[in-house]
């Protein structure tokens, strides 16, 4: 299983980015997929997730601003991030589990300037 994130970058506060997580070796529509954020010097934290049934969950810090979705045809999970804040800065990782083993992507950097 390989996960590849893309879409990060530098954006001003209030701006938007869309992150992508593409998978090979598994089918996202049958998996729980989580988006995690790791700010410098802090632990990795779960900010959004989507279940195999398409149900989404969000950390309170991003609720109303971030949206997670799945494109089954492309086997890709997206994280649409709107109204970005400087505290959203960090490396974003997608994660899934297959047969009790956890897989991570390489991460994509998001930097929000004030």
N, C-alpha and C. Protein backbone atom coordinates (compact mmCIF):
# COMPACT_ATOMS: atom_id res chain seq x y z
N UNK A 1 0.84 -1.19 0.00
CA UNK A 1 0.00 0.00 0.00
C UNK A 1 0.88 1.24 0.00
N UNK A 2 0.56 2.16 -0.89
CA UNK A 2 1.29 3.44 -0.92
C UNK A 2 0.28 4.58 -0.96
N UNK A 3 0.56 5.59 -0.14
CA UNK A 3 -0.25 6.79 -0.10
C UNK A 3 0.63 7.97 -0.50
N UNK A 4 0.11 8.82 -1.37
CA UNK A 4 0.88 9.97 -1.83
C UNK A 4 0.02 11.23 -1.69
N UNK A 5 0.50 12.16 -0.86
CA UNK A 5 -0.20 13.43 -0.69
C UNK A 5 0.36 14.48 -1.64
N UNK A 6 -0.49 15.42 -1.99
CA UNK A 6 -0.07 16.56 -2.79
C UNK A 6 -1.01 17.72 -2.51
N UNK A 7 -0.62 18.91 -2.99
CA UNK A 7 -1.50 20.06 -2.88
C UNK A 7 -1.13 21.07 -1.83
N UNK A 8 -0.10 20.79 -1.05
CA UNK A 8 0.30 21.76 -0.04
C UNK A 8 0.96 22.97 -0.67
N UNK A 9 1.22 23.97 0.16
CA UNK A 9 1.88 25.17 -0.33
C UNK A 9 1.79 26.30 0.67
N UNK A 10 2.13 27.48 0.20
CA UNK A 10 2.09 28.70 1.01
C UNK A 10 0.86 29.51 0.61
N UNK A 11 0.10 29.91 1.61
CA UNK A 11 -1.12 30.66 1.34
C UNK A 11 -1.31 31.70 2.43
N UNK A 12 -1.95 32.80 2.09
CA UNK A 12 -2.23 33.82 3.10
C UNK A 12 -3.44 33.41 3.94
N UNK A 13 -3.49 33.93 5.13
CA UNK A 13 -4.64 33.67 6.00
C UNK A 13 -5.93 34.06 5.28
N UNK A 14 -6.93 33.20 5.41
CA UNK A 14 -8.19 33.40 4.72
C UNK A 14 -8.28 32.69 3.38
N UNK A 15 -7.14 32.19 2.92
CA UNK A 15 -7.11 31.51 1.64
C UNK A 15 -7.52 30.05 1.73
N UNK A 16 -7.39 29.36 0.60
CA UNK A 16 -7.82 27.96 0.51
C UNK A 16 -6.75 27.10 -0.16
N UNK A 17 -6.77 25.85 0.20
CA UNK A 17 -5.96 24.83 -0.46
C UNK A 17 -6.76 23.55 -0.51
N UNK A 18 -6.45 22.72 -1.49
CA UNK A 18 -7.05 21.39 -1.53
C UNK A 18 -5.93 20.35 -1.57
N UNK A 19 -5.90 19.53 -0.56
CA UNK A 19 -4.93 18.45 -0.49
C UNK A 19 -5.53 17.18 -1.09
N UNK A 20 -4.65 16.39 -1.72
CA UNK A 20 -5.06 15.12 -2.30
C UNK A 20 -4.25 14.00 -1.70
N UNK A 21 -4.88 12.85 -1.53
CA UNK A 21 -4.20 11.65 -1.06
C UNK A 21 -4.60 10.53 -2.01
N UNK A 22 -3.65 10.10 -2.83
CA UNK A 22 -3.90 9.04 -3.78
C UNK A 22 -3.33 7.73 -3.26
N UNK A 23 -4.05 6.65 -3.52
CA UNK A 23 -3.65 5.36 -2.97
C UNK A 23 -3.39 4.35 -4.07
N UNK A 24 -2.45 3.49 -3.82
CA UNK A 24 -2.24 2.31 -4.64
C UNK A 24 -2.13 1.11 -3.70
N UNK A 25 -2.64 -0.01 -4.13
CA UNK A 25 -2.58 -1.20 -3.30
C UNK A 25 -3.76 -1.39 -2.37
N UNK A 26 -4.67 -0.45 -2.36
CA UNK A 26 -5.88 -0.59 -1.58
C UNK A 26 -6.96 0.27 -2.23
N UNK A 27 -8.18 0.06 -1.79
CA UNK A 27 -9.31 0.80 -2.34
C UNK A 27 -9.88 1.68 -1.25
N UNK A 28 -9.79 2.99 -1.44
CA UNK A 28 -10.19 3.91 -0.39
C UNK A 28 -11.66 3.80 -0.04
N UNK A 29 -12.49 3.43 -1.00
CA UNK A 29 -13.92 3.39 -0.71
C UNK A 29 -14.27 2.34 0.33
N UNK A 30 -13.34 1.43 0.62
CA UNK A 30 -13.58 0.38 1.61
C UNK A 30 -12.81 0.64 2.90
N UNK A 31 -12.22 1.80 3.03
CA UNK A 31 -11.31 2.07 4.16
C UNK A 31 -11.67 3.37 4.89
N UNK A 32 -11.28 3.41 6.13
CA UNK A 32 -11.24 4.64 6.90
C UNK A 32 -9.97 5.38 6.50
N UNK A 33 -10.09 6.65 6.20
CA UNK A 33 -8.93 7.46 5.84
C UNK A 33 -8.92 8.70 6.73
N UNK A 34 -7.79 8.94 7.34
CA UNK A 34 -7.66 10.11 8.20
C UNK A 34 -6.65 11.10 7.66
N UNK A 35 -6.92 12.38 7.91
CA UNK A 35 -5.96 13.45 7.62
C UNK A 35 -5.42 13.95 8.95
N UNK A 36 -4.11 13.97 9.07
CA UNK A 36 -3.44 14.40 10.29
C UNK A 36 -2.59 15.63 9.99
N UNK A 37 -2.40 16.42 11.02
CA UNK A 37 -1.55 17.61 10.91
C UNK A 37 -0.49 17.55 12.00
N UNK A 38 0.73 17.88 11.61
CA UNK A 38 1.81 17.95 12.60
C UNK A 38 2.49 19.30 12.49
N UNK A 39 2.26 20.13 13.47
CA UNK A 39 2.94 21.42 13.54
C UNK A 39 4.32 21.21 14.14
N UNK A 40 5.22 22.14 13.85
CA UNK A 40 6.59 22.01 14.32
C UNK A 40 6.61 21.94 15.85
N UNK A 41 7.28 20.93 16.36
CA UNK A 41 7.41 20.76 17.80
C UNK A 41 6.19 20.19 18.49
N UNK A 42 5.20 19.78 17.73
CA UNK A 42 3.98 19.25 18.32
C UNK A 42 3.70 17.84 17.79
N UNK A 43 2.83 17.16 18.51
CA UNK A 43 2.47 15.81 18.09
C UNK A 43 1.52 15.86 16.89
N UNK A 44 1.53 14.80 16.15
CA UNK A 44 0.61 14.66 15.02
C UNK A 44 -0.82 14.53 15.57
N UNK A 45 -1.74 15.27 14.97
CA UNK A 45 -3.12 15.24 15.44
C UNK A 45 -4.07 15.00 14.28
N UNK A 46 -5.15 14.28 14.58
CA UNK A 46 -6.17 13.99 13.58
C UNK A 46 -7.06 15.21 13.42
N UNK A 47 -7.19 15.70 12.18
CA UNK A 47 -8.04 16.86 11.95
C UNK A 47 -9.31 16.53 11.19
N UNK A 48 -9.28 15.46 10.39
CA UNK A 48 -10.47 15.09 9.62
C UNK A 48 -10.36 13.62 9.23
N UNK A 49 -11.50 12.99 9.03
CA UNK A 49 -11.49 11.59 8.64
C UNK A 49 -12.78 11.27 7.89
N UNK A 50 -12.70 10.23 7.08
CA UNK A 50 -13.87 9.78 6.36
C UNK A 50 -13.91 8.26 6.44
N UNK A 51 -15.09 7.72 6.71
CA UNK A 51 -15.23 6.28 6.84
C UNK A 51 -15.52 5.64 5.48
N UNK A 52 -15.50 4.32 5.48
CA UNK A 52 -15.81 3.60 4.25
C UNK A 52 -17.22 3.91 3.76
N UNK A 53 -18.09 4.23 4.68
CA UNK A 53 -19.46 4.56 4.31
C UNK A 53 -19.67 6.00 3.91
N UNK A 54 -18.57 6.78 3.93
CA UNK A 54 -18.66 8.17 3.51
C UNK A 54 -18.98 9.16 4.61
N UNK A 55 -19.00 8.68 5.87
CA UNK A 55 -19.27 9.58 6.98
C UNK A 55 -17.98 10.33 7.33
N UNK A 56 -18.09 11.62 7.56
CA UNK A 56 -16.91 12.43 7.85
C UNK A 56 -16.96 12.97 9.28
N UNK A 57 -15.78 13.15 9.83
CA UNK A 57 -15.64 13.70 11.17
C UNK A 57 -14.52 14.72 11.17
N UNK A 58 -14.64 15.73 12.04
CA UNK A 58 -13.68 16.82 12.06
C UNK A 58 -13.33 17.20 13.48
N UNK A 59 -12.08 17.60 13.64
CA UNK A 59 -11.68 18.20 14.91
C UNK A 59 -12.36 19.56 15.02
N UNK A 60 -12.64 19.96 16.24
CA UNK A 60 -13.33 21.24 16.45
C UNK A 60 -12.56 22.41 15.84
N UNK A 61 -11.25 22.31 15.78
CA UNK A 61 -10.43 23.42 15.28
C UNK A 61 -10.63 23.68 13.79
N UNK A 62 -11.16 22.69 13.06
CA UNK A 62 -11.32 22.84 11.60
C UNK A 62 -12.76 22.73 11.16
N UNK A 63 -13.65 22.41 12.09
CA UNK A 63 -15.05 22.20 11.74
C UNK A 63 -15.63 23.46 11.10
N UNK A 64 -16.32 23.28 9.99
CA UNK A 64 -16.90 24.41 9.27
C UNK A 64 -15.96 25.02 8.24
N UNK A 65 -14.69 24.65 8.30
CA UNK A 65 -13.70 25.21 7.35
C UNK A 65 -13.11 24.15 6.43
N UNK A 66 -12.96 22.94 6.93
CA UNK A 66 -12.36 21.85 6.17
C UNK A 66 -13.44 20.86 5.77
N UNK A 67 -13.26 20.24 4.58
CA UNK A 67 -14.17 19.22 4.11
C UNK A 67 -13.37 18.08 3.52
N UNK A 68 -13.67 16.87 3.99
CA UNK A 68 -13.00 15.69 3.47
C UNK A 68 -13.98 14.95 2.56
N UNK A 69 -13.45 14.45 1.43
CA UNK A 69 -14.30 13.75 0.47
C UNK A 69 -13.48 12.70 -0.26
N UNK A 70 -14.20 11.78 -0.90
CA UNK A 70 -13.56 10.69 -1.63
C UNK A 70 -14.03 10.68 -3.07
N UNK A 71 -13.08 10.51 -4.00
CA UNK A 71 -13.40 10.27 -5.41
C UNK A 71 -13.07 8.81 -5.67
N UNK A 72 -14.09 7.97 -5.68
CA UNK A 72 -13.85 6.53 -5.82
C UNK A 72 -13.23 6.19 -7.17
N UNK A 73 -13.61 6.90 -8.20
CA UNK A 73 -13.08 6.62 -9.53
C UNK A 73 -11.58 6.85 -9.60
N UNK A 74 -11.11 7.83 -8.84
CA UNK A 74 -9.68 8.15 -8.82
C UNK A 74 -8.96 7.54 -7.63
N UNK A 75 -9.72 6.86 -6.75
CA UNK A 75 -9.14 6.27 -5.54
C UNK A 75 -8.33 7.33 -4.78
N UNK A 76 -8.94 8.46 -4.61
CA UNK A 76 -8.28 9.61 -4.00
C UNK A 76 -9.19 10.23 -2.95
N UNK A 77 -8.59 10.63 -1.85
CA UNK A 77 -9.30 11.36 -0.80
C UNK A 77 -8.78 12.79 -0.80
N UNK A 78 -9.71 13.73 -0.68
CA UNK A 78 -9.35 15.15 -0.70
C UNK A 78 -9.62 15.79 0.66
N UNK A 79 -8.85 16.82 0.93
CA UNK A 79 -9.13 17.67 2.09
C UNK A 79 -9.19 19.10 1.58
N UNK A 80 -10.39 19.62 1.46
CA UNK A 80 -10.59 21.00 1.06
C UNK A 80 -10.48 21.87 2.30
N UNK A 81 -9.56 22.81 2.28
CA UNK A 81 -9.30 23.66 3.44
C UNK A 81 -9.60 25.11 3.06
N UNK A 82 -10.58 25.67 3.69
CA UNK A 82 -10.98 27.06 3.44
C UNK A 82 -10.76 27.90 4.69
N UNK A 83 -10.74 29.21 4.50
CA UNK A 83 -10.56 30.15 5.62
C UNK A 83 -9.37 29.74 6.48
N UNK A 84 -8.28 29.49 5.83
CA UNK A 84 -7.09 29.00 6.53
C UNK A 84 -6.56 30.04 7.51
N UNK A 85 -6.02 29.53 8.60
CA UNK A 85 -5.46 30.35 9.67
C UNK A 85 -3.99 30.00 9.86
N UNK A 86 -3.20 30.90 10.40
CA UNK A 86 -1.79 30.58 10.65
C UNK A 86 -1.61 29.32 11.49
N UNK A 87 -2.53 29.06 12.41
CA UNK A 87 -2.40 27.88 13.25
C UNK A 87 -2.70 26.58 12.49
N UNK A 88 -3.13 26.67 11.24
CA UNK A 88 -3.28 25.48 10.42
C UNK A 88 -1.96 25.04 9.80
N UNK A 89 -0.93 25.82 9.99
CA UNK A 89 0.37 25.50 9.43
C UNK A 89 0.90 24.19 9.97
N UNK A 90 1.46 23.38 9.08
CA UNK A 90 2.05 22.10 9.50
C UNK A 90 2.20 21.18 8.31
N UNK A 91 2.69 20.00 8.60
CA UNK A 91 2.76 18.96 7.58
C UNK A 91 1.50 18.10 7.71
N UNK A 92 0.84 17.91 6.59
CA UNK A 92 -0.41 17.14 6.57
C UNK A 92 -0.14 15.76 5.98
N UNK A 93 -0.63 14.76 6.70
CA UNK A 93 -0.46 13.37 6.31
C UNK A 93 -1.82 12.70 6.16
N UNK A 94 -1.93 11.81 5.20
CA UNK A 94 -3.10 10.94 5.17
C UNK A 94 -2.68 9.56 5.68
N UNK A 95 -3.65 8.87 6.21
CA UNK A 95 -3.38 7.59 6.87
C UNK A 95 -4.54 6.66 6.65
N UNK A 96 -4.23 5.36 6.49
CA UNK A 96 -5.28 4.37 6.45
C UNK A 96 -4.74 3.08 7.04
N UNK A 97 -5.65 2.12 7.24
CA UNK A 97 -5.26 0.83 7.79
C UNK A 97 -5.74 -0.28 6.86
N UNK A 98 -4.87 -1.23 6.64
CA UNK A 98 -5.20 -2.40 5.84
C UNK A 98 -4.72 -3.62 6.61
N UNK A 99 -5.66 -4.51 6.93
CA UNK A 99 -5.32 -5.74 7.67
C UNK A 99 -4.54 -5.41 8.94
N UNK A 100 -5.04 -4.44 9.69
CA UNK A 100 -4.49 -4.04 10.99
C UNK A 100 -3.13 -3.37 10.89
N UNK A 101 -2.66 -3.08 9.69
CA UNK A 101 -1.40 -2.37 9.53
C UNK A 101 -1.71 -0.95 9.10
N UNK A 102 -1.00 0.00 9.70
CA UNK A 102 -1.22 1.41 9.43
C UNK A 102 -0.25 1.91 8.37
N UNK A 103 -0.77 2.67 7.43
CA UNK A 103 0.04 3.24 6.36
C UNK A 103 -0.10 4.75 6.37
N UNK A 104 1.03 5.43 6.12
CA UNK A 104 1.09 6.88 6.07
C UNK A 104 1.66 7.32 4.73
N UNK A 105 1.22 8.47 4.30
CA UNK A 105 1.87 9.11 3.17
C UNK A 105 3.12 9.84 3.63
N UNK A 106 3.79 10.50 2.70
CA UNK A 106 5.04 11.18 3.03
C UNK A 106 4.80 12.58 3.61
N UNK A 107 3.58 13.06 3.48
CA UNK A 107 3.24 14.37 4.02
C UNK A 107 3.39 15.48 3.00
N UNK A 108 2.61 16.53 3.19
CA UNK A 108 2.71 17.72 2.35
C UNK A 108 2.64 18.95 3.25
N UNK A 109 3.53 19.90 3.02
CA UNK A 109 3.64 21.07 3.89
C UNK A 109 2.59 22.11 3.53
N UNK A 110 1.91 22.59 4.55
CA UNK A 110 0.98 23.71 4.41
C UNK A 110 1.48 24.84 5.30
N UNK A 111 1.68 26.00 4.72
CA UNK A 111 2.12 27.16 5.48
C UNK A 111 1.14 28.30 5.24
N UNK A 112 0.59 28.80 6.33
CA UNK A 112 -0.38 29.89 6.25
C UNK A 112 0.25 31.13 6.87
N UNK A 113 0.41 32.16 6.06
CA UNK A 113 1.02 33.40 6.56
C UNK A 113 -0.06 34.36 7.05
N UNK A 114 0.31 35.14 8.04
CA UNK A 114 -0.67 36.08 8.62
C UNK A 114 -0.63 37.43 7.91
